[in-house]
Protein backbone atom coordinates (compact mmCIF):
# COMPACT_ATOMS: atom_id res chain seq x y z
CA MET A 1 0.06 0.00 -0.01
CA ARG A 2 2.68 2.44 1.07
CA THR A 3 4.53 1.64 -2.34
CA THR A 4 1.46 2.63 -4.21
CA LYS A 5 0.98 5.86 -2.31
CA ASP A 6 4.71 6.71 -3.04
CA LYS A 7 4.11 6.17 -6.68
CA ILE A 8 1.00 8.39 -6.81
CA LEU A 9 2.78 11.05 -4.83
CA SER A 10 5.75 11.02 -7.15
CA ILE A 11 3.65 11.29 -10.12
CA ALA A 12 1.64 14.02 -8.71
CA LEU A 13 4.99 16.01 -7.91
CA VAL A 14 6.48 15.58 -11.47
CA SER A 15 3.27 15.96 -13.44
CA PRO A 16 3.02 19.90 -13.36
CA SER A 17 6.37 19.91 -14.86
CA ILE A 18 5.69 17.24 -17.52
CA LEU A 19 2.45 19.05 -18.44
CA ALA A 20 4.32 22.47 -18.64
CA VAL A 21 6.93 20.93 -20.97
CA LEU A 22 4.17 19.33 -23.12
CA ILE A 23 2.54 22.58 -23.48
CA PHE A 24 5.42 25.22 -23.80
CA VAL A 25 7.94 23.15 -25.45
CA TYR A 26 6.32 20.19 -27.52
CA GLY A 27 3.03 22.18 -27.93
CA PHE A 28 4.77 25.21 -29.27
CA ILE A 29 7.02 23.03 -31.67
CA ALA A 30 3.86 21.64 -33.13
CA TRP A 31 2.32 25.06 -33.54
CA SER A 32 5.51 26.21 -35.22
CA ILE A 33 5.48 23.41 -37.69
CA ARG A 34 1.79 24.18 -38.44
CA VAL A 35 2.61 27.89 -39.08
CA SER A 36 5.70 26.93 -41.24
CA LEU A 37 3.35 25.09 -43.52
CA SER A 38 0.79 27.90 -43.82
CA ARG A 39 0.42 31.11 -45.69
CA TRP A 40 0.55 33.59 -42.58
CA LYS A 41 1.91 36.76 -43.91
CA GLY A 42 0.94 39.88 -41.84
CA LEU A 43 -0.42 40.43 -38.40
CA LEU A 44 -3.68 38.53 -38.89
CA PRO A 45 -3.23 34.70 -38.66
CA ASN A 46 -3.71 32.76 -42.00
CA TYR A 47 -3.46 29.04 -41.65
CA ALA A 48 -4.29 28.24 -45.27
CA TRP A 49 -2.17 25.22 -46.17
CA ALA A 50 0.94 25.93 -48.15
CA GLY A 51 2.67 22.62 -47.70
CA LEU A 52 6.46 22.77 -48.10
CA LYS A 53 6.30 25.99 -50.17
CA ASN A 54 8.09 27.97 -47.42
CA TYR A 55 10.94 25.63 -47.11
CA ILE A 56 11.42 25.46 -50.76
CA GLU A 57 11.53 29.19 -51.12
CA LEU A 58 14.09 29.38 -48.39
CA PHE A 59 16.48 27.12 -50.02
CA HIS A 60 16.26 29.21 -53.17
CA ASP A 61 16.70 32.45 -51.06
CA PRO A 62 20.16 34.14 -51.68
CA ARG A 63 20.02 35.54 -48.22
CA PHE A 64 19.35 32.16 -46.67
CA GLN A 65 22.36 30.73 -48.68
CA VAL A 66 24.47 33.35 -47.06
CA ASP A 67 23.32 32.45 -43.84
CA VAL A 68 24.22 28.87 -44.22
CA ARG A 69 27.55 29.78 -45.50
CA ASN A 70 28.36 32.08 -42.58
CA THR A 71 27.04 29.47 -40.06
CA ALA A 72 29.42 26.82 -41.78
CA ILE A 73 32.24 29.25 -41.35
CA PHE A 74 31.38 30.32 -37.85
CA THR A 75 30.88 26.67 -36.72
CA VAL A 76 34.14 25.21 -38.09
CA LEU A 77 36.32 28.11 -36.68
CA PHE A 78 34.51 28.44 -33.29
CA VAL A 79 34.18 24.59 -32.64
CA GLY A 80 37.63 23.74 -33.91
CA ILE A 81 39.65 26.55 -32.29
CA SER A 82 37.85 26.20 -29.01
CA LEU A 83 38.51 22.53 -28.87
CA ILE A 84 42.46 23.07 -29.56
CA LEU A 85 42.75 25.95 -27.32
CA GLY A 86 40.78 24.44 -24.42
CA LEU A 87 42.81 21.23 -24.77
CA PHE A 88 46.07 23.13 -24.69
CA LEU A 89 45.14 25.34 -21.67
CA ALA A 90 44.12 22.15 -19.88
CA ILE A 91 47.24 20.35 -20.46
CA MET A 92 49.17 23.30 -19.30
CA LEU A 93 47.29 23.51 -16.05
CA ASP A 94 47.54 19.76 -15.51
CA GLN A 95 51.44 20.26 -15.18
CA GLY A 96 51.13 21.32 -11.57
CA LEU A 97 51.87 25.11 -12.30
CA LYS A 98 51.89 27.39 -9.40
CA GLY A 99 48.81 29.53 -9.04
CA GLU A 100 46.69 27.01 -11.05
CA ALA A 101 43.48 28.07 -9.24
CA PHE A 102 44.08 31.70 -10.33
CA PHE A 103 44.88 30.88 -13.98
CA ARG A 104 41.67 28.33 -13.98
CA THR A 105 39.53 31.14 -12.63
CA VAL A 106 40.79 33.53 -15.25
CA TYR A 107 40.26 31.23 -18.10
CA LEU A 108 36.79 30.21 -16.94
CA PHE A 109 35.39 33.49 -15.99
CA PRO A 110 34.59 34.70 -19.58
CA MET A 111 31.93 31.92 -19.62
CA ALA A 112 30.01 33.71 -16.84
CA ILE A 113 29.49 36.72 -19.25
CA SER A 114 26.45 36.83 -21.42
CA TYR A 115 27.07 37.12 -25.13
CA ILE A 116 25.51 40.68 -25.18
CA VAL A 117 28.26 41.94 -22.73
CA THR A 118 30.92 40.04 -24.54
CA GLY A 119 29.64 41.64 -27.87
CA VAL A 120 29.46 45.06 -26.66
CA VAL A 121 33.19 44.83 -25.38
CA TRP A 122 34.51 43.15 -28.49
CA ARG A 123 32.60 45.68 -30.75
CA TRP A 124 34.87 48.26 -29.30
CA LEU A 125 38.00 46.02 -29.50
CA MET A 126 37.27 45.13 -33.04
CA ASN A 127 36.45 48.59 -34.17
CA PRO A 128 36.99 48.80 -37.89
CA ALA A 129 37.72 52.60 -37.84
CA GLN A 130 41.17 53.54 -39.18
CA GLY A 131 43.10 56.65 -39.73
CA SER A 132 42.78 59.18 -37.09
CA ARG A 133 39.77 57.34 -35.47
CA LEU A 134 41.74 54.30 -34.49
CA SER A 135 40.58 52.31 -31.40
CA GLY A 136 40.66 49.03 -29.80
CA PHE A 137 43.13 46.49 -31.25
CA ASN A 138 43.75 48.70 -34.28
CA LEU A 139 45.06 51.33 -32.06
CA LEU A 140 47.16 49.03 -30.08
CA PHE A 141 48.68 47.62 -33.38
CA ASP A 142 49.38 51.16 -34.49
CA LYS A 143 51.19 51.94 -31.03
CA VAL A 144 53.36 48.92 -30.93
CA GLY A 145 54.42 49.17 -34.59
CA LEU A 146 52.35 46.24 -35.93
CA ASP A 147 50.55 48.42 -38.55
CA PHE A 148 50.26 45.43 -41.00
CA LEU A 149 47.65 43.81 -38.54
CA ILE A 150 45.30 46.66 -38.70
CA ASN A 151 42.28 45.64 -40.58
CA LYS A 152 38.54 45.98 -40.98
CA TRP A 153 37.60 43.00 -38.64
CA HIS A 154 33.97 42.10 -39.07
CA THR A 155 33.46 44.56 -41.88
CA THR A 156 35.92 42.52 -44.10
CA PRO A 157 34.11 41.44 -47.24
CA GLN A 158 33.33 37.68 -47.49
CA TRP A 159 35.21 36.72 -44.39
CA GLY A 160 33.77 39.21 -41.79
CA ILE A 161 31.88 36.38 -40.03
CA ALA A 162 35.22 34.64 -39.26
CA PHE A 163 36.02 37.63 -36.87
CA ILE A 164 32.83 37.26 -35.07
CA ALA A 165 34.18 33.76 -33.92
CA ILE A 166 37.04 35.46 -32.11
CA PRO A 167 34.88 36.71 -29.15
CA ALA A 168 32.89 33.47 -29.14
CA ILE A 169 36.20 31.45 -28.87
CA TRP A 170 37.37 33.86 -26.07
CA GLN A 171 34.14 33.09 -24.14
CA MET A 172 33.90 29.36 -24.42
CA SER A 173 37.46 28.08 -24.59
CA GLY A 174 37.71 28.14 -20.86
CA TYR A 175 34.59 26.02 -20.52
CA VAL A 176 36.25 23.51 -22.86
CA MET A 177 39.46 23.82 -20.76
CA ALA A 178 37.42 22.89 -17.52
CA LEU A 179 35.93 19.83 -19.24
CA TYR A 180 39.44 18.56 -20.53
CA LEU A 181 40.92 19.22 -17.29
CA GLY A 182 38.48 17.42 -15.33
CA GLY A 183 39.01 14.48 -17.73
CA LEU A 184 42.71 14.65 -17.39
CA ARG A 185 42.56 14.55 -13.55
CA ALA A 186 40.42 11.39 -13.85
CA ILE A 187 42.98 9.42 -15.81
CA PRO A 188 44.91 7.11 -13.35
CA GLU A 189 48.45 8.14 -13.06
CA SER A 190 49.41 4.44 -13.15
CA LEU A 191 48.49 4.40 -16.96
CA ARG A 192 51.08 7.10 -17.65
CA GLU A 193 53.67 5.50 -15.37
CA ALA A 194 53.19 2.07 -17.22
CA ALA A 195 53.56 3.90 -20.55
CA ARG A 196 56.85 5.41 -19.24
CA VAL A 197 58.14 2.20 -18.23
CA ASP A 198 57.58 0.94 -21.64
CA GLY A 199 59.73 3.63 -22.99
CA ALA A 200 57.03 6.21 -24.20
CA THR A 201 57.84 9.78 -24.22
CA GLU A 202 55.53 12.46 -22.90
CA VAL A 203 54.28 13.13 -26.48
CA ASP A 204 53.62 9.53 -26.98
CA ILE A 205 51.69 9.20 -23.76
CA TYR A 206 49.39 12.13 -24.85
CA ARG A 207 48.89 10.87 -28.24
CA HIS A 208 48.30 7.09 -27.56
CA VAL A 209 47.10 7.11 -23.98
CA VAL A 210 45.59 10.49 -22.98
CA LEU A 211 43.90 11.75 -26.11
CA PRO A 212 42.07 8.49 -26.85
CA LEU A 213 40.55 8.64 -23.37
CA MET A 214 39.34 12.16 -24.00
CA ARG A 215 37.20 11.09 -26.76
CA PRO A 216 33.93 11.17 -24.95
CA ILE A 217 34.73 14.67 -23.54
CA THR A 218 35.57 15.78 -27.09
CA LEU A 219 32.40 14.66 -28.28
CA SER A 220 30.48 16.31 -25.52
CA ALA A 221 32.18 19.56 -26.11
CA MET A 222 31.69 19.45 -29.88
CA ILE A 223 27.88 18.82 -29.20
CA ILE A 224 27.62 21.86 -26.70
CA LEU A 225 29.70 24.18 -28.89
CA GLY A 226 28.04 23.08 -32.22
CA HIS A 227 24.37 23.82 -31.01
CA ILE A 228 25.62 27.21 -29.50
CA SER A 229 27.20 27.98 -33.11
CA LEU A 230 24.01 26.98 -34.93
CA LYS A 231 21.64 29.23 -32.99
CA VAL A 232 24.05 32.22 -32.27
CA PHE A 233 22.19 35.44 -32.29
CA ASP A 234 22.92 37.87 -29.60
CA LEU A 235 26.72 38.04 -30.11
CA ILE A 236 26.23 39.05 -33.80
CA ILE A 237 23.66 41.63 -32.89
CA ALA A 238 25.78 43.16 -30.25
CA VAL A 239 29.00 43.22 -32.31
CA ALA A 240 27.71 44.06 -35.74
CA GLY A 241 23.86 44.71 -35.66
CA LYS A 242 21.75 43.69 -38.52
CA GLN A 243 24.05 43.33 -41.54
CA VAL A 244 23.27 40.82 -44.48
CA ALA A 245 26.88 40.20 -44.81
CA LEU A 246 26.88 38.70 -41.25
CA ASP A 247 23.60 37.20 -41.38
CA VAL A 248 22.76 33.83 -39.76
CA PRO A 249 19.61 31.82 -39.76
CA ALA A 250 18.60 33.10 -36.15
CA VAL A 251 19.20 36.84 -37.22
CA TYR A 252 17.08 36.21 -40.33
CA MET A 253 14.37 34.47 -38.51
CA TRP A 254 13.99 37.55 -36.10
CA GLN A 255 13.92 39.96 -38.91
CA THR A 256 11.61 38.14 -41.18
CA THR A 257 9.25 37.43 -38.20
CA PHE A 258 9.12 40.67 -36.19
CA ASP A 259 10.32 43.21 -38.88
CA GLY A 260 8.73 41.69 -42.00
CA TYR A 261 5.67 39.90 -40.35
CA PHE A 262 6.31 36.74 -42.50
CA PHE A 263 5.34 34.42 -39.81
CA ASN A 264 5.33 31.54 -42.11
CA ARG A 265 8.95 31.89 -43.25
CA GLY A 266 10.12 32.64 -39.71
CA ALA A 267 8.49 29.50 -38.45
CA ALA A 268 10.10 27.58 -41.19
CA ILE A 269 13.53 28.99 -40.43
CA GLY A 270 12.97 27.97 -36.67
CA ILE A 271 11.98 24.41 -37.55
CA LEU A 272 15.18 24.14 -39.71
CA LEU A 273 17.25 25.42 -36.85
CA LEU A 274 15.57 22.83 -34.51
CA LEU A 275 16.27 20.07 -36.96
CA SER A 276 19.97 21.23 -37.37
CA VAL A 277 20.41 21.12 -33.40
CA ALA A 278 18.62 17.70 -33.18
CA VAL A 279 21.07 16.24 -35.84
CA LEU A 280 23.70 17.01 -33.29
CA VAL A 281 22.02 16.15 -30.15
CA ILE A 282 20.07 13.09 -30.82
CA PRO A 283 23.07 10.86 -31.90
CA TYR A 284 24.99 12.12 -28.73
CA LEU A 285 22.01 11.03 -26.56
CA TRP A 286 21.66 7.76 -28.27
CA TYR A 287 25.41 7.25 -27.74
CA SER A 288 25.36 8.17 -24.13
CA LEU A 289 22.21 6.01 -23.33
CA ARG A 290 23.83 3.05 -25.19
CA GLY A 291 26.98 3.41 -23.07
CA GLU A 292 24.81 3.60 -19.78
CA ALA A 293 23.05 0.67 -20.95
CA GLU A 294 26.31 -1.45 -21.52
CA LEU A 295 27.61 -0.47 -17.91
C-alpha cells in the first residue's frame, strides 16, 4: 500500500513539470510546424495550407544561402579553435603550475558573461575605424608598430563572419578547458607510469593514452559548442547589428518574423534550426544511453 502511495505522490509531484513541458515546449514546436506550413503573412493569422512551399523558397533564397555559408564558417572556426585552445590550456594547467587556481578562474570567468556583454566589449576592441579614429586592437597595433595587422575586422568582405568567432572562442574556450581538465585529472597516474616504463615519451603518452581517453569529452564539447554556433544570435547583434553580410539563420528569423511579419517563413527557419540542432544532439543522446546500458 505504501509503495502505491509513493508512486502516486511521485507522479503528482512531477506531473506539473511534465504538463508544462508538453505545452510550452512540444506544443509550441507543433504549432510552429503548423505555421511553417501555412500562408501566414501579416499581423492577422492565416492558416491556409501551403505545404513545403516556405521551405522550398528558403533554400532558393540568396540571403538564406549566405546564412548557411556564414554558419558553416562560424561553426568550423568556433568549434575547432575552442577545442584546440581548451585542450592546450588544460594540458598546461595539468602540469602542476603554481597559481593554477588563479589561472583556472581567469580562463573560466568569460563563460559567466552573457554574449551581449561580450559583444559590446568586442565591438569596441574590433572597431574597424582607421586613420585618426583608431581604437581597440587597431590602435594597439598602431602603437606597437604592427601596422600590418590593422584591418576592418568583421566588416571585411566575405570573411567578416570569421572575426565574429573570435569573441565566441574567447568566451567558451575556458569552458572547454574545464571539461578537458576534469578528464585529465580522472586518468589514473598508473597508466602514464606504465607507458613511461615501456619507454614512451610524454608526447607518445598524450597521443596514445591521454587523447584516446578524452574522446567522450571531445564529443560532448563538440555537441555543446555546435548547438551554440548553430543558434548564435545575440553575439552578432551586439557586435555588428543587422548586416546581411554577417547574417545567420537566427538573425534572419528575427527580422523576417518581427520586422517583416512573414510568420510562416520565420517559423520555417525556426524548424530548420531545431532540426539542425537535433542532428547533433540526438546521436549524442543515443550514444550516451547506449553507453549507460552497456555499463
